[in-house]
């Protein structure tokens, strides 16, 4: 018998997996996100270095 092809999305590495969350921003901040786009926001978050306590 022939093997069936796998369907669906390929597996994603754990460090690349997207997780759903909630973020509260002002209308002006959301407008900036809409204008720049989510990829720009993700780039900024990746570059962000939080201050150590």
C-alpha atoms as a PDB file:
ATOM      1  CA  UNK A   1       0.000   0.000   0.000  1.00  0.00           C
ATOM      2  CA  UNK A   2       1.084   3.535  -0.637  1.00  0.00           C
ATOM      3  CA  UNK A   3       1.834   5.774   2.306  1.00  0.00           C
ATOM      4  CA  UNK A   4      -0.503   8.721   2.660  1.00  0.00           C
ATOM      5  CA  UNK A   5       0.933  12.193   2.460  1.00  0.00           C
ATOM      6  CA  UNK A   6       0.845  14.139   5.686  1.00  0.00           C
ATOM      7  CA  UNK A   7      -1.459  17.120   5.568  1.00  0.00           C
ATOM      8  CA  UNK A   8      -1.559  20.248   7.679  1.00  0.00           C
ATOM      9  CA  UNK A   9       1.105  22.609   8.882  1.00  0.00           C
ATOM     10  CA  UNK A  10       4.627  21.361   9.442  1.00  0.00           C
ATOM     11  CA  UNK A  11       5.817  21.273  13.064  1.00  0.00           C
ATOM     12  CA  UNK A  12       7.307  24.482  14.471  1.00  0.00           C
ATOM     13  CA  UNK A  13      10.345  24.691  16.731  1.00  0.00           C
ATOM     14  CA  UNK A  14       9.399  25.531  20.350  1.00  0.00           C
ATOM     15  CA  UNK A  15      11.344  28.829  20.232  1.00  0.00           C
ATOM     16  CA  UNK A  16       9.433  29.911  17.085  1.00  0.00           C
ATOM     17  CA  UNK A  17       5.958  28.902  18.291  1.00  0.00           C
ATOM     18  CA  UNK A  18       3.476  31.797  18.527  1.00  0.00           C
ATOM     19  CA  UNK A  19       1.525  32.056  21.784  1.00  0.00           C
ATOM     20  CA  UNK A  20      -1.714  34.019  22.181  1.00  0.00           C
ATOM     21  CA  UNK A  21      -1.794  36.757  24.825  1.00  0.00           C
ATOM     22  CA  UNK A  22      -3.481  40.041  25.687  1.00  0.00           C
ATOM     23  CA  UNK A  23      -1.944  43.492  25.582  1.00  0.00           C
ATOM     24  CA  UNK A  24      -3.652  46.752  26.567  1.00  0.00           C
ATOM     25  CA  UNK A  25      -2.456  49.851  24.722  1.00  0.00           C
ATOM     26  CA  UNK A  26      -3.822  53.345  24.192  1.00  0.00           C
ATOM     27  CA  UNK A  27      -5.564  54.157  20.924  1.00  0.00           C
ATOM     28  CA  UNK A  28      -2.513  56.136  19.814  1.00  0.00           C
ATOM     29  CA  UNK A  29      -0.225  53.173  20.520  1.00  0.00           C
ATOM     30  CA  UNK A  30      -2.504  50.787  18.594  1.00  0.00           C
ATOM     31  CA  UNK A  31      -2.517  53.219  15.683  1.00  0.00           C
ATOM     32  CA  UNK A  32       1.295  53.110  15.624  1.00  0.00           C
ATOM     33  CA  UNK A  33       1.159  49.299  15.545  1.00  0.00           C
ATOM     34  CA  UNK A  34      -1.385  49.403  12.690  1.00  0.00           C
ATOM     35  CA  UNK A  35       0.754  51.864  10.707  1.00  0.00           C
ATOM     36  CA  UNK A  36       4.043  49.988  11.209  1.00  0.00           C
ATOM     37  CA  UNK A  37       2.617  46.471  11.167  1.00  0.00           C
ATOM     38  CA  UNK A  38       2.989  43.489  13.465  1.00  0.00           C
ATOM     39  CA  UNK A  39       6.368  42.439  11.969  1.00  0.00           C
ATOM     40  CA  UNK A  40       7.826  45.823  12.972  1.00  0.00           C
ATOM     41  CA  UNK A  41       6.446  45.400  16.498  1.00  0.00           C
ATOM     42  CA  UNK A  42       7.951  41.909  16.750  1.00  0.00           C
ATOM     43  CA  UNK A  43      11.313  43.264  15.588  1.00  0.00           C
ATOM     44  CA  UNK A  44      11.243  45.957  18.281  1.00  0.00           C
ATOM     45  CA  UNK A  45      10.313  43.415  20.964  1.00  0.00           C
ATOM     46  CA  UNK A  46      13.156  41.115  19.852  1.00  0.00           C
ATOM     47  CA  UNK A  47      15.636  43.998  20.125  1.00  0.00           C
ATOM     48  CA  UNK A  48      14.262  45.202  23.478  1.00  0.00           C
ATOM     49  CA  UNK A  49      16.516  44.692  26.494  1.00  0.00           C
ATOM     50  CA  UNK A  50      14.614  45.059  29.780  1.00  0.00           C
ATOM     51  CA  UNK A  51      16.404  46.859  32.601  1.00  0.00           C
ATOM     52  CA  UNK A  52      17.733  44.589  35.341  1.00  0.00           C
ATOM     53  CA  UNK A  53      16.368  45.278  38.853  1.00  0.00           C
END
